[in-house]
Amino acid sequence: MSFIDIVRKMVLDSDIGARAVAEMVSKKYHVLMNELNSENTSHKLGADLLEPLMKACRSDAPMHHLAASMGGLFIRVPEENCSNTSLVKAVKEFGELIAVYGQAIEEGKLSSNDKKRIRKEGQEALTAIQELLCGLDGTAEHNPRA
């Protein structure tokens, strides 16, 4: 899935709806949808609109996609001490990684699609675990590379 398709999906799947998102970022709905259409060559999404779109949608999916495509990891640093929610999320994501991996190796051969699914689940598990670790010290100044 292309980056623009990730952003389009984020807007379309938003809890508030795509029309409300367009209004929040001061765009006409049809203009925003044209900008988010990867096949439209006359309208392009400006990079300066990405942050307001993510805030309106309350999603950081594009950041995860960008980080993963560059071999990195996007970590939302918690503002408060680690909560049980962070622990549950980390365990859940790790469980999903193991389930996908287990299913793939049971079949005997890892297809390119299996590897893609395992990498996706692994990325999500790493993110959840790092968020948990960052939350332990309760500071937003934690450096994930440390």
N, C-alpha and C. Protein backbone atom coordinates (compact mmCIF):
# COMPACT_ATOMS: atom_id res chain seq x y z
N MET A 1 0.85 -1.17 0.00
CA MET A 1 0.00 0.00 0.00
C MET A 1 0.90 1.24 0.00
N SER A 2 0.60 2.19 -0.87
CA SER A 2 1.42 3.39 -0.97
C SER A 2 1.15 4.32 0.22
N PHE A 3 2.05 5.27 0.41
CA PHE A 3 1.90 6.21 1.51
C PHE A 3 0.59 6.98 1.38
N ILE A 4 0.28 7.47 0.19
CA ILE A 4 -0.96 8.25 0.01
C ILE A 4 -2.18 7.38 0.28
N ASP A 5 -2.09 6.09 -0.05
CA ASP A 5 -3.20 5.18 0.24
C ASP A 5 -3.37 4.98 1.74
N ILE A 6 -2.27 4.97 2.48
CA ILE A 6 -2.33 4.88 3.95
C ILE A 6 -3.05 6.10 4.51
N VAL A 7 -2.69 7.28 4.01
CA VAL A 7 -3.30 8.52 4.50
C VAL A 7 -4.78 8.54 4.13
N ARG A 8 -5.11 8.14 2.91
CA ARG A 8 -6.51 8.10 2.46
C ARG A 8 -7.32 7.16 3.36
N LYS A 9 -6.78 5.97 3.63
CA LYS A 9 -7.47 5.01 4.49
C LYS A 9 -7.68 5.60 5.88
N MET A 10 -6.66 6.29 6.41
CA MET A 10 -6.77 6.91 7.72
C MET A 10 -7.94 7.89 7.75
N VAL A 11 -8.05 8.71 6.72
CA VAL A 11 -9.13 9.71 6.64
C VAL A 11 -10.49 9.03 6.50
N LEU A 12 -10.57 8.06 5.60
CA LEU A 12 -11.85 7.38 5.37
C LEU A 12 -12.30 6.56 6.57
N ASP A 13 -11.36 6.01 7.33
CA ASP A 13 -11.69 5.19 8.50
C ASP A 13 -11.80 6.00 9.79
N SER A 14 -11.62 7.30 9.70
CA SER A 14 -11.66 8.15 10.88
C SER A 14 -12.99 8.03 11.62
N ASP A 15 -12.93 8.07 12.93
CA ASP A 15 -14.15 8.00 13.75
C ASP A 15 -15.10 9.16 13.49
N ILE A 16 -14.57 10.29 13.06
CA ILE A 16 -15.42 11.46 12.85
C ILE A 16 -15.93 11.56 11.42
N GLY A 17 -15.41 10.74 10.53
CA GLY A 17 -15.83 10.76 9.13
C GLY A 17 -14.97 11.69 8.28
N ALA A 18 -14.86 11.35 7.03
CA ALA A 18 -13.98 12.08 6.11
C ALA A 18 -14.44 13.53 5.90
N ARG A 19 -15.74 13.75 5.89
CA ARG A 19 -16.23 15.13 5.69
C ARG A 19 -15.84 16.03 6.86
N ALA A 20 -15.94 15.49 8.07
CA ALA A 20 -15.55 16.27 9.26
C ALA A 20 -14.04 16.51 9.27
N VAL A 21 -13.28 15.51 8.83
CA VAL A 21 -11.83 15.68 8.75
C VAL A 21 -11.50 16.82 7.78
N ALA A 22 -12.14 16.81 6.61
CA ALA A 22 -11.91 17.86 5.61
C ALA A 22 -12.21 19.23 6.20
N GLU A 23 -13.31 19.33 6.92
CA GLU A 23 -13.68 20.61 7.53
C GLU A 23 -12.64 21.04 8.57
N MET A 24 -12.14 20.09 9.35
CA MET A 24 -11.16 20.41 10.40
C MET A 24 -9.84 20.91 9.82
N VAL A 25 -9.50 20.47 8.61
CA VAL A 25 -8.24 20.92 8.00
C VAL A 25 -8.49 22.00 6.95
N SER A 26 -9.68 22.57 6.98
CA SER A 26 -10.06 23.69 6.10
C SER A 26 -9.93 23.36 4.62
N LYS A 27 -10.41 22.18 4.27
CA LYS A 27 -10.42 21.74 2.87
C LYS A 27 -11.85 21.39 2.48
N LYS A 28 -12.19 21.61 1.23
CA LYS A 28 -13.46 21.11 0.73
C LYS A 28 -13.30 19.60 0.60
N TYR A 29 -14.37 18.87 0.92
CA TYR A 29 -14.33 17.42 0.92
C TYR A 29 -13.81 16.87 -0.41
N HIS A 30 -14.38 17.32 -1.52
CA HIS A 30 -13.99 16.77 -2.82
C HIS A 30 -12.53 17.10 -3.16
N VAL A 31 -12.06 18.25 -2.71
CA VAL A 31 -10.66 18.61 -2.96
C VAL A 31 -9.74 17.68 -2.17
N LEU A 32 -10.07 17.45 -0.89
CA LEU A 32 -9.26 16.56 -0.07
C LEU A 32 -9.24 15.15 -0.65
N MET A 33 -10.40 14.67 -1.06
CA MET A 33 -10.46 13.31 -1.63
C MET A 33 -9.66 13.22 -2.93
N ASN A 34 -9.66 14.28 -3.72
CA ASN A 34 -8.83 14.30 -4.93
C ASN A 34 -7.34 14.28 -4.57
N GLU A 35 -6.96 15.03 -3.53
CA GLU A 35 -5.57 15.05 -3.10
C GLU A 35 -5.13 13.70 -2.55
N LEU A 36 -6.07 12.94 -2.01
CA LEU A 36 -5.77 11.63 -1.43
C LEU A 36 -5.96 10.49 -2.43
N ASN A 37 -6.21 10.82 -3.68
CA ASN A 37 -6.39 9.82 -4.72
C ASN A 37 -5.06 9.63 -5.44
N SER A 38 -4.44 8.47 -5.27
CA SER A 38 -3.12 8.23 -5.85
C SER A 38 -3.15 8.21 -7.38
N GLU A 39 -4.33 8.06 -7.97
CA GLU A 39 -4.43 8.04 -9.43
C GLU A 39 -4.72 9.42 -10.02
N ASN A 40 -4.98 10.39 -9.17
CA ASN A 40 -5.27 11.75 -9.64
C ASN A 40 -3.95 12.50 -9.82
N THR A 41 -3.69 12.96 -11.02
CA THR A 41 -2.43 13.66 -11.29
C THR A 41 -2.57 15.18 -11.19
N SER A 42 -3.80 15.68 -11.07
CA SER A 42 -3.98 17.13 -11.02
C SER A 42 -4.01 17.69 -9.60
N HIS A 43 -4.21 16.85 -8.60
CA HIS A 43 -4.23 17.28 -7.20
C HIS A 43 -3.21 16.46 -6.42
N LYS A 44 -2.43 17.11 -5.59
CA LYS A 44 -1.43 16.43 -4.77
C LYS A 44 -1.56 16.89 -3.32
N LEU A 45 -1.41 15.97 -2.40
CA LEU A 45 -1.45 16.27 -0.99
C LEU A 45 -0.16 16.98 -0.58
N GLY A 46 -0.28 18.13 0.04
CA GLY A 46 0.89 18.84 0.53
C GLY A 46 1.38 18.25 1.83
N ALA A 47 2.68 18.19 2.00
CA ALA A 47 3.26 17.62 3.22
C ALA A 47 2.83 18.38 4.47
N ASP A 48 2.57 19.67 4.32
CA ASP A 48 2.17 20.47 5.48
C ASP A 48 0.77 20.12 5.98
N LEU A 49 0.02 19.35 5.22
CA LEU A 49 -1.33 18.94 5.63
C LEU A 49 -1.32 17.63 6.42
N LEU A 50 -0.21 16.91 6.37
CA LEU A 50 -0.16 15.60 7.02
C LEU A 50 -0.39 15.68 8.53
N GLU A 51 0.30 16.56 9.20
CA GLU A 51 0.13 16.66 10.66
C GLU A 51 -1.30 17.03 11.05
N PRO A 52 -1.91 18.06 10.44
CA PRO A 52 -3.31 18.35 10.79
C PRO A 52 -4.26 17.18 10.49
N LEU A 53 -4.00 16.44 9.41
CA LEU A 53 -4.84 15.28 9.11
C LEU A 53 -4.70 14.21 10.19
N MET A 54 -3.47 13.94 10.61
CA MET A 54 -3.25 12.93 11.64
C MET A 54 -3.90 13.34 12.96
N LYS A 55 -3.81 14.62 13.28
CA LYS A 55 -4.45 15.10 14.51
C LYS A 55 -5.97 15.01 14.42
N ALA A 56 -6.53 15.39 13.27
CA ALA A 56 -7.98 15.33 13.09
C ALA A 56 -8.47 13.89 13.17
N CYS A 57 -7.71 12.97 12.60
CA CYS A 57 -8.09 11.54 12.59
C CYS A 57 -7.69 10.82 13.86
N ARG A 58 -6.86 11.47 14.66
CA ARG A 58 -6.33 10.86 15.89
C ARG A 58 -5.64 9.54 15.56
N SER A 59 -4.76 9.61 14.55
CA SER A 59 -4.06 8.42 14.07
C SER A 59 -2.62 8.77 13.71
N ASP A 60 -1.73 7.86 14.00
CA ASP A 60 -0.34 8.03 13.59
C ASP A 60 0.08 6.96 12.59
N ALA A 61 -0.90 6.36 11.91
CA ALA A 61 -0.62 5.31 10.92
C ALA A 61 0.40 5.75 9.86
N PRO A 62 0.31 6.99 9.33
CA PRO A 62 1.32 7.39 8.34
C PRO A 62 2.74 7.41 8.91
N MET A 63 2.89 7.77 10.17
CA MET A 63 4.21 7.80 10.79
C MET A 63 4.79 6.38 10.89
N HIS A 64 3.94 5.43 11.25
CA HIS A 64 4.39 4.04 11.33
C HIS A 64 4.84 3.55 9.96
N HIS A 65 4.07 3.90 8.93
CA HIS A 65 4.41 3.49 7.56
C HIS A 65 5.75 4.10 7.13
N LEU A 66 5.92 5.40 7.36
CA LEU A 66 7.18 6.05 6.98
C LEU A 66 8.36 5.45 7.72
N ALA A 67 8.21 5.28 9.02
CA ALA A 67 9.32 4.73 9.81
C ALA A 67 9.67 3.32 9.34
N ALA A 68 8.67 2.48 9.14
CA ALA A 68 8.93 1.11 8.70
C ALA A 68 9.58 1.08 7.32
N SER A 69 9.15 1.96 6.43
CA SER A 69 9.73 1.97 5.08
C SER A 69 11.19 2.42 5.09
N MET A 70 11.60 3.12 6.14
CA MET A 70 12.98 3.55 6.27
C MET A 70 13.77 2.65 7.22
N GLY A 71 13.16 1.52 7.60
CA GLY A 71 13.83 0.58 8.49
C GLY A 71 13.83 1.01 9.93
N GLY A 72 12.92 1.93 10.26
CA GLY A 72 12.87 2.46 11.62
C GLY A 72 11.60 2.07 12.34
N LEU A 73 11.36 2.78 13.41
CA LEU A 73 10.26 2.49 14.30
C LEU A 73 9.72 3.81 14.83
N PHE A 74 8.44 4.04 14.70
CA PHE A 74 7.83 5.24 15.27
C PHE A 74 7.33 4.90 16.66
N ILE A 75 7.75 5.68 17.64
CA ILE A 75 7.36 5.46 19.03
C ILE A 75 6.67 6.70 19.55
N ARG A 76 5.44 6.54 20.00
CA ARG A 76 4.75 7.64 20.68
C ARG A 76 5.19 7.58 22.14
N VAL A 77 5.88 8.58 22.60
CA VAL A 77 6.39 8.60 23.96
C VAL A 77 5.26 9.00 24.90
N PRO A 78 4.95 8.15 25.87
CA PRO A 78 3.86 8.44 26.81
C PRO A 78 4.18 9.67 27.65
N GLU A 79 3.13 10.40 28.00
CA GLU A 79 3.31 11.60 28.83
C GLU A 79 3.29 11.26 30.31
N GLU A 80 2.78 10.08 30.65
CA GLU A 80 2.67 9.69 32.05
C GLU A 80 3.42 8.40 32.29
N ASN A 81 3.43 7.97 33.56
CA ASN A 81 4.05 6.69 33.88
C ASN A 81 3.34 5.56 33.15
N CYS A 82 4.05 4.47 32.99
CA CYS A 82 3.52 3.29 32.32
C CYS A 82 2.23 2.83 32.97
N SER A 83 1.27 2.47 32.16
CA SER A 83 -0.01 2.00 32.69
C SER A 83 -0.21 0.54 32.35
N ASN A 84 -1.21 -0.05 32.97
CA ASN A 84 -1.55 -1.43 32.64
C ASN A 84 -1.95 -1.55 31.18
N THR A 85 -2.51 -0.49 30.61
CA THR A 85 -2.91 -0.50 29.20
C THR A 85 -1.71 -0.74 28.31
N SER A 86 -0.58 -0.11 28.63
CA SER A 86 0.64 -0.30 27.84
C SER A 86 1.13 -1.74 27.91
N LEU A 87 1.05 -2.31 29.09
CA LEU A 87 1.48 -3.69 29.26
C LEU A 87 0.58 -4.64 28.48
N VAL A 88 -0.72 -4.44 28.57
CA VAL A 88 -1.67 -5.28 27.85
C VAL A 88 -1.45 -5.16 26.35
N LYS A 89 -1.22 -3.94 25.87
CA LYS A 89 -0.98 -3.73 24.44
C LYS A 89 0.28 -4.45 23.98
N ALA A 90 1.35 -4.36 24.78
CA ALA A 90 2.61 -5.02 24.42
C ALA A 90 2.43 -6.53 24.35
N VAL A 91 1.75 -7.10 25.33
CA VAL A 91 1.52 -8.54 25.34
C VAL A 91 0.65 -8.95 24.16
N LYS A 92 -0.40 -8.17 23.87
CA LYS A 92 -1.30 -8.47 22.75
C LYS A 92 -0.54 -8.46 21.42
N GLU A 93 0.26 -7.41 21.20
CA GLU A 93 1.00 -7.31 19.94
C GLU A 93 2.01 -8.43 19.80
N PHE A 94 2.68 -8.80 20.90
CA PHE A 94 3.64 -9.89 20.85
C PHE A 94 2.91 -11.20 20.54
N GLY A 95 1.76 -11.39 21.16
CA GLY A 95 0.96 -12.59 20.89
C GLY A 95 0.55 -12.69 19.44
N GLU A 96 0.17 -11.56 18.84
CA GLU A 96 -0.21 -11.56 17.42
C GLU A 96 0.99 -11.88 16.53
N LEU A 97 2.17 -11.38 16.90
CA LEU A 97 3.38 -11.70 16.15
C LEU A 97 3.65 -13.21 16.19
N ILE A 98 3.58 -13.79 17.37
CA ILE A 98 3.85 -15.22 17.51
C ILE A 98 2.80 -16.05 16.77
N ALA A 99 1.54 -15.61 16.81
CA ALA A 99 0.48 -16.35 16.11
C ALA A 99 0.71 -16.35 14.61
N VAL A 100 1.06 -15.19 14.05
CA VAL A 100 1.31 -15.09 12.61
C VAL A 100 2.53 -15.92 12.23
N TYR A 101 3.58 -15.82 13.03
CA TYR A 101 4.80 -16.58 12.77
C TYR A 101 4.53 -18.08 12.87
N GLY A 102 3.83 -18.49 13.92
CA GLY A 102 3.52 -19.90 14.12
C GLY A 102 2.71 -20.47 12.97
N GLN A 103 1.72 -19.72 12.52
CA GLN A 103 0.90 -20.16 11.39
C GLN A 103 1.75 -20.33 10.14
N ALA A 104 2.65 -19.39 9.91
CA ALA A 104 3.49 -19.43 8.71
C ALA A 104 4.45 -20.62 8.74
N ILE A 105 5.07 -20.90 9.89
CA ILE A 105 6.04 -22.01 9.91
C ILE A 105 5.35 -23.37 9.92
N GLU A 106 4.09 -23.43 10.39
CA GLU A 106 3.34 -24.68 10.32
C GLU A 106 3.14 -25.12 8.88
N GLU A 107 3.00 -24.14 8.00
CA GLU A 107 2.79 -24.43 6.58
C GLU A 107 4.08 -24.90 5.90
N GLY A 108 5.21 -24.77 6.60
CA GLY A 108 6.46 -25.33 6.11
C GLY A 108 7.33 -24.40 5.29
N LYS A 109 6.76 -23.41 4.67
CA LYS A 109 7.55 -22.51 3.83
C LYS A 109 7.03 -21.09 4.00
N LEU A 110 7.96 -20.17 4.18
CA LEU A 110 7.57 -18.77 4.34
C LEU A 110 7.47 -18.10 2.98
N SER A 111 6.26 -17.71 2.61
CA SER A 111 6.07 -16.97 1.36
C SER A 111 6.44 -15.51 1.59
N SER A 112 6.53 -14.77 0.52
CA SER A 112 6.83 -13.34 0.66
C SER A 112 5.70 -12.64 1.40
N ASN A 113 4.47 -13.10 1.22
CA ASN A 113 3.33 -12.52 1.95
C ASN A 113 3.43 -12.84 3.44
N ASP A 114 3.85 -14.08 3.78
CA ASP A 114 4.06 -14.45 5.18
C ASP A 114 5.10 -13.54 5.82
N LYS A 115 6.21 -13.34 5.11
CA LYS A 115 7.28 -12.49 5.64
C LYS A 115 6.79 -11.06 5.85
N LYS A 116 5.98 -10.57 4.93
CA LYS A 116 5.44 -9.22 5.04
C LYS A 116 4.53 -9.11 6.27
N ARG A 117 3.67 -10.12 6.49
CA ARG A 117 2.78 -10.12 7.65
C ARG A 117 3.58 -10.22 8.95
N ILE A 118 4.62 -11.05 8.95
CA ILE A 118 5.46 -11.21 10.15
C ILE A 118 6.18 -9.90 10.46
N ARG A 119 6.72 -9.25 9.43
CA ARG A 119 7.39 -7.95 9.65
C ARG A 119 6.42 -6.91 10.20
N LYS A 120 5.20 -6.87 9.65
CA LYS A 120 4.18 -5.91 10.12
C LYS A 120 3.87 -6.16 11.59
N GLU A 121 3.59 -7.42 11.93
CA GLU A 121 3.28 -7.75 13.33
C GLU A 121 4.48 -7.51 14.23
N GLY A 122 5.68 -7.82 13.74
CA GLY A 122 6.89 -7.56 14.51
C GLY A 122 7.09 -6.09 14.78
N GLN A 123 6.83 -5.26 13.77
CA GLN A 123 6.95 -3.81 13.92
C GLN A 123 5.97 -3.31 14.98
N GLU A 124 4.74 -3.81 14.94
CA GLU A 124 3.73 -3.39 15.91
C GLU A 124 4.11 -3.86 17.32
N ALA A 125 4.66 -5.07 17.43
CA ALA A 125 5.08 -5.57 18.74
C ALA A 125 6.24 -4.75 19.29
N LEU A 126 7.25 -4.47 18.44
CA LEU A 126 8.38 -3.64 18.87
C LEU A 126 7.92 -2.26 19.34
N THR A 127 7.00 -1.68 18.60
CA THR A 127 6.48 -0.36 18.97
C THR A 127 5.80 -0.41 20.32
N ALA A 128 4.94 -1.41 20.53
CA ALA A 128 4.24 -1.52 21.81
C ALA A 128 5.20 -1.75 22.96
N ILE A 129 6.20 -2.59 22.76
CA ILE A 129 7.19 -2.86 23.81
C ILE A 129 8.00 -1.60 24.11
N GLN A 130 8.41 -0.87 23.07
CA GLN A 130 9.20 0.34 23.29
C GLN A 130 8.36 1.41 23.99
N GLU A 131 7.07 1.52 23.64
CA GLU A 131 6.19 2.46 24.34
C GLU A 131 6.10 2.11 25.81
N LEU A 132 6.01 0.82 26.11
CA LEU A 132 5.97 0.37 27.49
C LEU A 132 7.25 0.77 28.22
N LEU A 133 8.40 0.51 27.58
CA LEU A 133 9.68 0.85 28.21
C LEU A 133 9.85 2.35 28.38
N CYS A 134 9.42 3.12 27.39
CA CYS A 134 9.53 4.58 27.50
C CYS A 134 8.67 5.11 28.64
N GLY A 135 7.55 4.48 28.86
CA GLY A 135 6.65 4.94 29.91
C GLY A 135 7.14 4.65 31.30
N LEU A 136 8.13 3.79 31.44
CA LEU A 136 8.61 3.42 32.77
C LEU A 136 9.19 4.59 33.54
N ASP A 137 9.90 5.48 32.83
CA ASP A 137 10.51 6.60 33.56
C ASP A 137 9.59 7.80 33.65
N GLY A 138 8.47 7.76 32.95
CA GLY A 138 7.46 8.81 33.09
C GLY A 138 7.86 10.15 32.52
N THR A 139 8.86 10.17 31.64
CA THR A 139 9.24 11.44 31.05
C THR A 139 9.05 11.41 29.55
N ALA A 140 8.73 12.54 28.99
CA ALA A 140 8.59 12.66 27.54
C ALA A 140 9.96 12.92 26.90
N GLU A 141 11.00 12.99 27.72
CA GLU A 141 12.33 13.28 27.19
C GLU A 141 13.13 12.01 26.93
N HIS A 142 12.52 10.86 27.16
CA HIS A 142 13.21 9.59 26.96
C HIS A 142 13.66 9.46 25.52
N ASN A 143 14.90 9.01 25.34
CA ASN A 143 15.44 8.83 24.00
C ASN A 143 15.32 7.34 23.65
N PRO A 144 14.43 6.97 22.67
CA PRO A 144 14.25 5.56 22.34
C PRO A 144 15.52 4.88 21.86
N ARG A 145 16.54 5.63 21.44
CA ARG A 145 17.78 5.02 20.94
C ARG A 145 18.73 4.66 22.08
N ALA A 146 18.44 5.15 23.27
CA ALA A 146 19.34 4.92 24.41
C ALA A 146 19.35 3.46 24.83
